[in-house]
Structure formats: structure tokens, C-alpha cells
Amino acid sequence: MKRIAVLLALLLPLCGCRHVVDDPYVKVKDSGLNWVSIRHYNQRTTPFQRVSVRIDGSGVVTVREGTSLLVTNPYAANVNDPNWNDIRERRITIAREDVIPIFQMLVDQGLFLRRKKSDPANPNESVFVSANIEGKTCGSDENVFGSDPDLAESLKNIVLMFHQPQPRNKR
């Protein structure tokens, strides 16, 4: 009987049962370990315009924009891509206490909820998010517009808080 109890205790976390600790709604506290990374793609242009906004719990906001693969993937390796050098980066520092409401809004809107995959209503733009807040992590390999349009709009608005698109100079 003791063996069965031990076996069940070991297998229970693997069976997909939700535990109270897995609550997707958490109270965000001030921590330099919290971060959110939002990647937005405008697919109306060729090549795609990319914007990446990373907000750290310490108040550092890193904004990258351009058509280079490096904008949204710092580990990109295709150096022969014709847009390789089209990347601009700037850093903004905001107060740590101003980061908490942004993170809390995302958590309250269901950032850590599991979503069902569906086709995005707007095929002209995509938004992806990864986050680590209060030890909870998420990473989207699916366009958030397809699974949660309300959260996607909030993510897009956060991008616009820190990135004001500028017209590009033609070469």
C-alpha cells in the first residue's frame, strides 16, 4: 500500500492535473527577475517590419526595430540576409514601480492561461510574447492574435508605448 501511495505521489504531477500553485493569476511584486518580451511583425510590407520590446523588472526597456532577423532573434545566423544590418536599438529606463502595473495588467488579462490555437483575424500583423513573472513563464510560438485578440491588442499597445514608428529614409 505504501508503494502505491509513493507511486501516485510521483506520477500525479505528470498526469496534467492542475495544482493550486499553478494559478495563472498572480500578484506582481517588484523584482528585477521579472521580464516580458514582445515581438511584433508588420506583414503589410516586404520585407517584414519587426519590432521587439523587452521590459525588465528593473525598469530597463530595450526597443529594437528594423527588417533584420536580429530584431526579434539575437541568435540569428543568416549573415547573408540582405536586411542583416537593418536594425536600430535604444534603451529607455523607467521607474521600477511603473513596470509593476504593466506586468499586472498582462497577468490579469490571462498572459499565463493556456490558449486554443486558431487563425488570426488580421493576417497582416503578428504578435508573440514570452515572459517570466513571479516565477511563472510563458512563451508563444503561435500568433497571439489567433488565440487571444484582446491580449494581442494590449501587447501591441505596450509596444506602441515605447516604440513610435518613424518614416524610413530611402537609400
N, C-alpha and C. Protein backbone atom coordinates (compact mmCIF):
# COMPACT_ATOMS: atom_id res chain seq x y z
N MET A 1 0.82 -1.18 0.00
CA MET A 1 0.00 0.00 0.00
C MET A 1 0.87 1.26 0.00
N LYS A 2 1.97 1.19 0.75
CA LYS A 2 2.87 2.33 0.82
C LYS A 2 3.51 2.61 -0.54
N ARG A 3 3.82 1.53 -1.27
CA ARG A 3 4.41 1.67 -2.60
C ARG A 3 3.45 2.36 -3.56
N ILE A 4 2.18 2.02 -3.49
CA ILE A 4 1.18 2.64 -4.35
C ILE A 4 1.07 4.13 -4.05
N ALA A 5 1.09 4.50 -2.77
CA ALA A 5 1.00 5.91 -2.39
C ALA A 5 2.21 6.68 -2.92
N VAL A 6 3.38 6.08 -2.81
CA VAL A 6 4.60 6.73 -3.31
C VAL A 6 4.54 6.86 -4.83
N LEU A 7 4.10 5.80 -5.51
CA LEU A 7 3.99 5.82 -6.96
C LEU A 7 3.01 6.89 -7.42
N LEU A 8 1.86 6.98 -6.76
CA LEU A 8 0.87 8.01 -7.09
C LEU A 8 1.43 9.41 -6.85
N ALA A 9 2.17 9.57 -5.77
CA ALA A 9 2.76 10.88 -5.47
C ALA A 9 3.76 11.29 -6.55
N LEU A 10 4.46 10.32 -7.11
CA LEU A 10 5.43 10.62 -8.16
C LEU A 10 4.76 10.87 -9.50
N LEU A 11 3.68 10.16 -9.79
CA LEU A 11 3.02 10.27 -11.09
C LEU A 11 2.01 11.41 -11.16
N LEU A 12 1.46 11.85 -10.04
CA LEU A 12 0.43 12.88 -10.03
C LEU A 12 0.87 14.17 -10.73
N PRO A 13 2.08 14.66 -10.50
CA PRO A 13 2.48 15.89 -11.21
C PRO A 13 2.60 15.69 -12.72
N LEU A 14 2.77 14.47 -13.18
CA LEU A 14 2.94 14.22 -14.60
C LEU A 14 1.62 14.00 -15.34
N CYS A 15 0.53 13.85 -14.62
CA CYS A 15 -0.73 13.48 -15.28
C CYS A 15 -1.50 14.67 -15.81
N GLY A 16 -1.00 15.87 -15.63
CA GLY A 16 -1.69 17.03 -16.18
C GLY A 16 -2.69 17.63 -15.23
N CYS A 17 -2.76 17.13 -14.01
CA CYS A 17 -3.68 17.70 -13.03
C CYS A 17 -3.15 19.06 -12.60
N ARG A 18 -4.06 20.01 -12.44
CA ARG A 18 -3.64 21.35 -12.03
C ARG A 18 -3.54 21.40 -10.51
N HIS A 19 -2.55 22.04 -10.05
CA HIS A 19 -2.34 22.21 -8.63
C HIS A 19 -2.67 23.65 -8.27
N VAL A 20 -2.99 23.89 -7.04
CA VAL A 20 -3.34 25.24 -6.60
C VAL A 20 -2.20 26.21 -6.88
N VAL A 21 -0.97 25.74 -6.82
CA VAL A 21 0.20 26.59 -7.06
C VAL A 21 0.23 27.06 -8.51
N ASP A 22 -0.43 26.37 -9.43
CA ASP A 22 -0.40 26.72 -10.85
C ASP A 22 -1.40 27.81 -11.22
N ASP A 23 -1.84 28.60 -10.28
CA ASP A 23 -2.80 29.66 -10.55
C ASP A 23 -2.18 30.65 -11.54
N PRO A 24 -2.84 30.87 -12.71
CA PRO A 24 -2.26 31.76 -13.72
C PRO A 24 -2.38 33.24 -13.35
N TYR A 25 -3.12 33.55 -12.29
CA TYR A 25 -3.29 34.92 -11.85
C TYR A 25 -2.49 35.12 -10.57
N VAL A 26 -1.43 35.90 -10.67
CA VAL A 26 -0.55 36.14 -9.53
C VAL A 26 -0.50 37.63 -9.24
N LYS A 27 -0.09 37.96 -8.04
CA LYS A 27 0.12 39.37 -7.66
C LYS A 27 1.57 39.69 -7.99
N VAL A 28 1.77 40.66 -8.86
CA VAL A 28 3.12 41.02 -9.30
C VAL A 28 3.79 41.87 -8.23
N LYS A 29 5.01 41.50 -7.90
CA LYS A 29 5.81 42.24 -6.93
C LYS A 29 7.02 42.84 -7.64
N ASP A 30 7.63 43.79 -6.99
CA ASP A 30 8.84 44.42 -7.53
C ASP A 30 9.98 43.40 -7.53
N SER A 31 10.46 43.05 -8.72
CA SER A 31 11.57 42.11 -8.83
C SER A 31 12.32 42.35 -10.13
N GLY A 32 13.62 42.41 -10.02
CA GLY A 32 14.46 42.54 -11.20
C GLY A 32 14.49 41.27 -12.03
N LEU A 33 13.93 40.17 -11.50
CA LEU A 33 13.91 38.91 -12.23
C LEU A 33 12.72 38.81 -13.17
N ASN A 34 11.72 39.67 -13.01
CA ASN A 34 10.55 39.67 -13.89
C ASN A 34 10.91 40.31 -15.23
N TRP A 35 10.35 39.78 -16.31
CA TRP A 35 10.56 40.38 -17.63
C TRP A 35 9.46 39.93 -18.58
N VAL A 36 9.24 40.76 -19.61
CA VAL A 36 8.31 40.44 -20.70
C VAL A 36 9.00 40.83 -22.00
N SER A 37 8.92 39.95 -22.99
CA SER A 37 9.47 40.23 -24.31
C SER A 37 8.34 40.12 -25.33
N ILE A 38 8.09 41.20 -26.06
CA ILE A 38 7.01 41.25 -27.05
C ILE A 38 7.64 41.44 -28.42
N ARG A 39 7.22 40.62 -29.38
CA ARG A 39 7.72 40.73 -30.74
C ARG A 39 6.54 40.98 -31.67
N HIS A 40 6.61 42.08 -32.41
CA HIS A 40 5.51 42.48 -33.29
C HIS A 40 6.03 42.51 -34.72
N TYR A 41 5.25 41.93 -35.64
CA TYR A 41 5.61 41.89 -37.05
C TYR A 41 4.53 42.57 -37.87
N ASN A 42 4.94 43.51 -38.71
CA ASN A 42 4.02 44.14 -39.66
C ASN A 42 4.26 43.45 -40.99
N GLN A 43 3.29 42.66 -41.43
CA GLN A 43 3.47 41.87 -42.64
C GLN A 43 2.87 42.54 -43.87
N ARG A 44 2.48 43.81 -43.72
CA ARG A 44 1.96 44.56 -44.88
C ARG A 44 3.09 45.04 -45.77
N THR A 45 4.30 45.02 -45.26
CA THR A 45 5.45 45.50 -46.02
C THR A 45 6.36 44.32 -46.36
N THR A 46 7.14 44.49 -47.39
CA THR A 46 8.15 43.50 -47.74
C THR A 46 9.48 44.20 -47.79
N PRO A 47 10.46 43.79 -47.04
CA PRO A 47 10.45 42.74 -46.04
C PRO A 47 9.65 43.17 -44.79
N PHE A 48 9.31 42.20 -43.95
CA PHE A 48 8.53 42.48 -42.75
C PHE A 48 9.22 43.50 -41.87
N GLN A 49 8.44 44.41 -41.34
CA GLN A 49 8.95 45.32 -40.31
C GLN A 49 8.81 44.61 -38.98
N ARG A 50 9.88 44.57 -38.23
CA ARG A 50 9.89 43.88 -36.94
C ARG A 50 10.14 44.88 -35.83
N VAL A 51 9.47 44.66 -34.70
CA VAL A 51 9.72 45.47 -33.50
C VAL A 51 9.77 44.51 -32.32
N SER A 52 10.76 44.68 -31.49
CA SER A 52 10.91 43.88 -30.29
C SER A 52 11.01 44.82 -29.10
N VAL A 53 10.17 44.58 -28.10
CA VAL A 53 10.21 45.38 -26.87
C VAL A 53 10.39 44.41 -25.71
N ARG A 54 11.46 44.60 -24.96
CA ARG A 54 11.70 43.79 -23.76
C ARG A 54 11.68 44.72 -22.56
N ILE A 55 10.82 44.39 -21.62
CA ILE A 55 10.70 45.18 -20.39
C ILE A 55 11.21 44.32 -19.24
N ASP A 56 12.22 44.81 -18.56
CA ASP A 56 12.77 44.11 -17.40
C ASP A 56 12.19 44.71 -16.13
N GLY A 57 12.06 43.89 -15.11
CA GLY A 57 11.53 44.35 -13.83
C GLY A 57 12.36 45.45 -13.20
N SER A 58 13.60 45.59 -13.64
CA SER A 58 14.48 46.64 -13.12
C SER A 58 14.16 48.00 -13.72
N GLY A 59 13.27 48.03 -14.72
CA GLY A 59 12.90 49.29 -15.35
C GLY A 59 13.59 49.56 -16.67
N VAL A 60 14.44 48.66 -17.11
CA VAL A 60 15.13 48.83 -18.39
C VAL A 60 14.23 48.30 -19.51
N VAL A 61 13.98 49.14 -20.50
CA VAL A 61 13.17 48.76 -21.66
C VAL A 61 14.08 48.83 -22.87
N THR A 62 14.20 47.72 -23.58
CA THR A 62 15.02 47.65 -24.78
C THR A 62 14.09 47.56 -25.98
N VAL A 63 14.25 48.50 -26.92
CA VAL A 63 13.40 48.54 -28.11
C VAL A 63 14.29 48.34 -29.33
N ARG A 64 13.96 47.34 -30.12
CA ARG A 64 14.67 47.09 -31.38
C ARG A 64 13.66 47.18 -32.51
N GLU A 65 14.10 47.73 -33.63
CA GLU A 65 13.23 47.81 -34.81
C GLU A 65 14.05 47.65 -36.06
N GLY A 66 13.38 47.26 -37.13
CA GLY A 66 14.03 47.10 -38.42
C GLY A 66 13.51 45.88 -39.14
N THR A 67 14.19 45.54 -40.24
CA THR A 67 13.78 44.37 -41.01
C THR A 67 14.75 43.20 -40.82
N SER A 68 15.81 43.40 -40.08
CA SER A 68 16.79 42.35 -39.84
C SER A 68 16.19 41.26 -38.96
N LEU A 69 16.63 40.03 -39.20
CA LEU A 69 16.23 38.92 -38.34
C LEU A 69 16.71 39.11 -36.92
N LEU A 70 17.77 39.91 -36.74
CA LEU A 70 18.33 40.16 -35.41
C LEU A 70 17.39 40.95 -34.51
N VAL A 71 16.41 41.63 -35.08
CA VAL A 71 15.48 42.42 -34.27
C VAL A 71 14.75 41.52 -33.29
N THR A 72 14.27 40.39 -33.76
CA THR A 72 13.48 39.51 -32.91
C THR A 72 14.20 38.22 -32.54
N ASN A 73 15.36 37.99 -33.11
CA ASN A 73 16.11 36.79 -32.80
C ASN A 73 17.60 37.14 -32.71
N PRO A 74 18.10 37.43 -31.51
CA PRO A 74 19.50 37.81 -31.39
C PRO A 74 20.48 36.70 -31.74
N TYR A 75 19.97 35.47 -31.92
CA TYR A 75 20.83 34.34 -32.27
C TYR A 75 20.74 33.99 -33.75
N ALA A 76 20.12 34.84 -34.54
CA ALA A 76 20.02 34.58 -35.98
C ALA A 76 21.42 34.43 -36.56
N ALA A 77 21.53 33.57 -37.56
CA ALA A 77 22.85 33.27 -38.10
C ALA A 77 22.97 33.53 -39.59
N ASN A 78 21.90 33.92 -40.25
CA ASN A 78 21.93 34.11 -41.70
C ASN A 78 22.54 35.48 -42.04
N VAL A 79 23.86 35.57 -42.00
CA VAL A 79 24.54 36.84 -42.23
C VAL A 79 24.44 37.29 -43.68
N ASN A 80 24.01 36.41 -44.56
CA ASN A 80 23.86 36.76 -45.97
C ASN A 80 22.49 37.37 -46.28
N ASP A 81 21.64 37.47 -45.30
CA ASP A 81 20.32 38.10 -45.48
C ASP A 81 20.54 39.55 -45.91
N PRO A 82 19.89 40.01 -46.98
CA PRO A 82 20.11 41.38 -47.45
C PRO A 82 19.70 42.45 -46.43
N ASN A 83 18.88 42.10 -45.44
CA ASN A 83 18.46 43.07 -44.43
C ASN A 83 19.21 42.91 -43.11
N TRP A 84 20.30 42.19 -43.13
CA TRP A 84 21.04 41.86 -41.91
C TRP A 84 21.37 43.10 -41.06
N ASN A 85 21.76 44.19 -41.69
CA ASN A 85 22.20 45.38 -40.95
C ASN A 85 21.08 46.36 -40.65
N ASP A 86 19.84 46.07 -41.04
CA ASP A 86 18.73 46.99 -40.79
C ASP A 86 18.15 46.75 -39.40
N ILE A 87 18.87 47.26 -38.41
CA ILE A 87 18.43 47.13 -37.02
C ILE A 87 18.82 48.38 -36.26
N ARG A 88 17.88 48.88 -35.49
CA ARG A 88 18.11 50.03 -34.63
C ARG A 88 17.68 49.64 -33.22
N GLU A 89 18.47 50.04 -32.24
CA GLU A 89 18.16 49.68 -30.85
C GLU A 89 18.32 50.90 -29.96
N ARG A 90 17.40 51.00 -29.01
CA ARG A 90 17.56 52.04 -27.99
C ARG A 90 17.07 51.50 -26.67
N ARG A 91 17.59 52.06 -25.61
CA ARG A 91 17.21 51.65 -24.26
C ARG A 91 16.60 52.83 -23.54
N ILE A 92 15.55 52.51 -22.82
CA ILE A 92 14.84 53.51 -22.04
C ILE A 92 14.82 52.99 -20.60
N THR A 93 14.98 53.87 -19.66
CA THR A 93 14.86 53.46 -18.26
C THR A 93 13.64 54.14 -17.67
N ILE A 94 12.76 53.32 -17.10
CA ILE A 94 11.58 53.83 -16.42
C ILE A 94 11.66 53.40 -14.96
N ALA A 95 10.86 54.02 -14.12
CA ALA A 95 10.87 53.68 -12.70
C ALA A 95 10.40 52.24 -12.51
N ARG A 96 11.01 51.55 -11.58
CA ARG A 96 10.64 50.16 -11.30
C ARG A 96 9.17 50.04 -10.94
N GLU A 97 8.66 51.02 -10.21
CA GLU A 97 7.25 50.96 -9.80
C GLU A 97 6.30 51.17 -10.98
N ASP A 98 6.79 51.70 -12.10
CA ASP A 98 5.95 51.84 -13.30
C ASP A 98 5.86 50.55 -14.11
N VAL A 99 6.76 49.63 -13.85
CA VAL A 99 6.76 48.34 -14.55
C VAL A 99 5.68 47.43 -13.97
N ILE A 100 5.47 47.49 -12.67
CA ILE A 100 4.54 46.58 -11.99
C ILE A 100 3.13 46.64 -12.57
N PRO A 101 2.53 47.84 -12.81
CA PRO A 101 1.17 47.85 -13.37
C PRO A 101 1.09 47.26 -14.79
N ILE A 102 2.15 47.41 -15.56
CA ILE A 102 2.16 46.83 -16.91
C ILE A 102 2.13 45.31 -16.80
N PHE A 103 3.00 44.77 -15.96
CA PHE A 103 3.03 43.31 -15.78
C PHE A 103 1.72 42.80 -15.19
N GLN A 104 1.18 43.53 -14.21
CA GLN A 104 -0.06 43.08 -13.57
C GLN A 104 -1.22 43.08 -14.56
N MET A 105 -1.27 44.08 -15.44
CA MET A 105 -2.32 44.12 -16.45
C MET A 105 -2.25 42.89 -17.35
N LEU A 106 -1.04 42.53 -17.77
CA LEU A 106 -0.88 41.35 -18.64
C LEU A 106 -1.28 40.07 -17.92
N VAL A 107 -0.89 39.95 -16.66
CA VAL A 107 -1.27 38.77 -15.87
C VAL A 107 -2.79 38.72 -15.73
N ASP A 108 -3.41 39.86 -15.42
CA ASP A 108 -4.87 39.91 -15.24
C ASP A 108 -5.61 39.61 -16.53
N GLN A 109 -5.01 39.90 -17.67
CA GLN A 109 -5.64 39.60 -18.96
C GLN A 109 -5.40 38.17 -19.41
N GLY A 110 -4.73 37.39 -18.59
CA GLY A 110 -4.58 35.97 -18.90
C GLY A 110 -3.31 35.61 -19.63
N LEU A 111 -2.23 36.33 -19.38
CA LEU A 111 -0.95 36.04 -20.04
C LEU A 111 -0.54 34.58 -19.86
N PHE A 112 -0.81 34.01 -18.68
CA PHE A 112 -0.36 32.65 -18.38
C PHE A 112 -1.43 31.59 -18.60
N LEU A 113 -2.57 31.95 -19.18
CA LEU A 113 -3.60 30.97 -19.49
C LEU A 113 -3.19 30.17 -20.72
N ARG A 114 -3.61 28.94 -20.78
CA ARG A 114 -3.40 28.13 -21.98
C ARG A 114 -4.46 28.54 -23.00
N ARG A 115 -4.04 28.67 -24.24
CA ARG A 115 -4.95 29.13 -25.29
C ARG A 115 -5.14 28.07 -26.34
N LYS A 116 -6.29 28.14 -26.99
CA LYS A 116 -6.54 27.26 -28.13
C LYS A 116 -6.06 27.96 -29.39
N LYS A 117 -5.41 27.21 -30.23
CA LYS A 117 -4.89 27.75 -31.48
C LYS A 117 -6.04 28.01 -32.45
N SER A 118 -6.00 29.15 -33.10
CA SER A 118 -6.96 29.44 -34.16
C SER A 118 -6.30 30.41 -35.13
N ASP A 119 -6.96 30.64 -36.25
CA ASP A 119 -6.41 31.54 -37.26
C ASP A 119 -6.59 32.98 -36.82
N PRO A 120 -5.57 33.82 -37.01
CA PRO A 120 -5.70 35.22 -36.63
C PRO A 120 -6.71 35.94 -37.52
N ALA A 121 -7.43 36.87 -36.91
CA ALA A 121 -8.41 37.67 -37.66
C ALA A 121 -7.70 38.63 -38.60
N ASN A 122 -6.50 39.07 -38.24
CA ASN A 122 -5.74 40.03 -39.04
C ASN A 122 -4.46 39.36 -39.54
N PRO A 123 -4.43 38.91 -40.78
CA PRO A 123 -3.22 38.24 -41.28
C PRO A 123 -2.07 39.20 -41.58
N ASN A 124 -2.30 40.51 -41.44
CA ASN A 124 -1.26 41.49 -41.77
C ASN A 124 -0.31 41.80 -40.62
N GLU A 125 -0.60 41.30 -39.44
CA GLU A 125 0.32 41.54 -38.34
C GLU A 125 0.29 40.37 -37.38
N SER A 126 1.41 40.20 -36.69
CA SER A 126 1.56 39.12 -35.72
C SER A 126 2.18 39.67 -34.47
N VAL A 127 1.83 39.08 -33.35
CA VAL A 127 2.45 39.46 -32.09
C VAL A 127 2.71 38.18 -31.28
N PHE A 128 3.90 38.11 -30.71
CA PHE A 128 4.32 36.96 -29.92
C PHE A 128 4.84 37.49 -28.59
N VAL A 129 4.70 36.69 -27.54
CA VAL A 129 5.14 37.14 -26.23
C VAL A 129 5.81 36.00 -25.48
N SER A 130 6.83 36.36 -24.72
CA SER A 130 7.47 35.46 -23.77
C SER A 130 7.59 36.24 -22.48
N ALA A 131 7.49 35.55 -21.35
CA ALA A 131 7.55 36.27 -20.09
C ALA A 131 8.01 35.37 -18.96
N ASN A 132 8.54 36.00 -17.95
CA ASN A 132 8.85 35.37 -16.67
C ASN A 132 8.43 36.38 -15.60
N ILE A 133 7.32 36.10 -14.95
CA ILE A 133 6.81 37.00 -13.91
C ILE A 133 6.50 36.16 -12.69
N GLU A 134 7.11 36.52 -11.58
CA GLU A 134 6.91 35.83 -10.31
C GLU A 134 7.13 34.32 -10.45
N GLY A 135 8.13 33.94 -11.25
CA GLY A 135 8.48 32.54 -11.40
C GLY A 135 7.60 31.78 -12.38
N LYS A 136 6.58 32.41 -12.93
CA LYS A 136 5.72 31.78 -13.94
C LYS A 136 6.27 32.18 -15.30
N THR A 137 6.34 31.22 -16.20
CA THR A 137 6.89 31.51 -17.52
C THR A 137 5.89 31.17 -18.60
N CYS A 138 6.02 31.86 -19.72
CA CYS A 138 5.23 31.54 -20.90
C CYS A 138 6.04 31.94 -22.12
N GLY A 139 5.75 31.31 -23.21
CA GLY A 139 6.40 31.64 -24.47
C GLY A 139 5.45 31.25 -25.58
N SER A 140 5.17 32.18 -26.47
CA SER A 140 4.21 31.86 -27.52
C SER A 140 4.94 31.56 -28.81
N ASP A 141 4.66 30.39 -29.34
CA ASP A 141 5.16 30.08 -30.67
C ASP A 141 4.04 30.25 -31.68
N GLU A 142 2.89 30.69 -31.19
CA GLU A 142 1.72 30.97 -32.03
C GLU A 142 1.42 32.46 -31.97
N ASN A 143 0.89 32.98 -33.04
CA ASN A 143 0.48 34.38 -33.09
C ASN A 143 -0.63 34.60 -32.07
N VAL A 144 -0.42 35.51 -31.13
CA VAL A 144 -1.40 35.75 -30.07
C VAL A 144 -2.69 36.31 -30.66
N PHE A 145 -2.62 36.99 -31.81
CA PHE A 145 -3.85 37.48 -32.45
C PHE A 145 -4.79 36.33 -32.78
N GLY A 146 -4.25 35.14 -33.04
CA GLY A 146 -5.07 33.99 -33.38
C GLY A 146 -5.72 33.33 -32.18
N SER A 147 -5.12 33.45 -31.01
CA SER A 147 -5.66 32.76 -29.85
C SER A 147 -6.32 33.69 -28.84
N ASP A 148 -5.89 34.93 -28.75
CA ASP A 148 -6.47 35.87 -27.79
C ASP A 148 -6.31 37.30 -28.33
N PRO A 149 -7.25 37.74 -29.19
CA PRO A 149 -7.13 39.07 -29.80
C PRO A 149 -7.08 40.21 -28.80
N ASP A 150 -7.77 40.08 -27.66
CA ASP A 150 -7.74 41.15 -26.65
C ASP A 150 -6.36 41.30 -26.04
N LEU A 151 -5.75 40.17 -25.67
CA LEU A 151 -4.39 40.21 -25.15
C LEU A 151 -3.43 40.73 -26.21
N ALA A 152 -3.63 40.31 -27.46
CA ALA A 152 -2.76 40.77 -28.56
C ALA A 152 -2.84 42.29 -28.72
N GLU A 153 -4.03 42.86 -28.62
CA GLU A 153 -4.17 44.32 -28.71
C GLU A 153 -3.45 45.01 -27.56
N SER A 154 -3.54 44.44 -26.36
CA SER A 154 -2.83 45.02 -25.21
C SER A 154 -1.33 44.95 -25.42
N LEU A 155 -0.85 43.83 -25.94
CA LEU A 155 0.59 43.70 -26.22
C LEU A 155 1.03 44.71 -27.27
N LYS A 156 0.21 44.88 -28.29
CA LYS A 156 0.52 45.85 -29.35
C LYS A 156 0.55 47.27 -28.78
N ASN A 157 -0.37 47.59 -27.86
CA ASN A 157 -0.39 48.92 -27.24
C ASN A 157 0.84 49.14 -26.38
N ILE A 158 1.33 48.10 -25.71
CA ILE A 158 2.56 48.22 -24.92
C ILE A 158 3.73 48.50 -25.85
N VAL A 159 3.77 47.83 -26.99
CA VAL A 159 4.83 48.10 -27.97
C VAL A 159 4.78 49.57 -28.38
N LEU A 160 3.57 50.08 -28.64
CA LEU A 160 3.44 51.48 -29.08
C LEU A 160 3.77 52.48 -27.97
N MET A 161 3.70 52.04 -26.71
CA MET A 161 4.11 52.92 -25.61
C MET A 161 5.58 53.29 -25.71
N PHE A 162 6.38 52.35 -26.20
CA PHE A 162 7.83 52.54 -26.21
C PHE A 162 8.41 52.70 -27.61
N HIS A 163 7.64 52.40 -28.63
CA HIS A 163 8.13 52.49 -30.00
C HIS A 163 7.20 53.38 -30.81
N GLN A 164 7.73 54.49 -31.26
CA GLN A 164 6.98 55.37 -32.15
C GLN A 164 7.57 55.21 -33.54
N PRO A 165 6.82 54.56 -34.44
CA PRO A 165 7.36 54.31 -35.78
C PRO A 165 7.74 55.61 -36.48
N GLN A 166 8.89 55.59 -37.10
CA GLN A 166 9.40 56.74 -37.84
C GLN A 166 9.49 56.36 -39.31
N PRO A 167 9.24 57.32 -40.20
CA PRO A 167 9.42 57.01 -41.62
C PRO A 167 10.89 56.71 -41.91
N ARG A 168 11.12 55.74 -42.75
CA ARG A 168 12.48 55.36 -43.09
C ARG A 168 12.99 56.21 -44.24
N ASN A 169 14.25 56.52 -44.21
CA ASN A 169 14.89 57.21 -45.33
C ASN A 169 15.16 56.19 -46.43
N LYS A 170 14.80 56.54 -47.64
CA LYS A 170 15.09 55.64 -48.78
C LYS A 170 16.54 55.84 -49.18
N ARG A 171 17.19 54.75 -49.47
CA ARG A 171 18.61 54.82 -49.86
C ARG A 171 18.75 54.91 -51.33
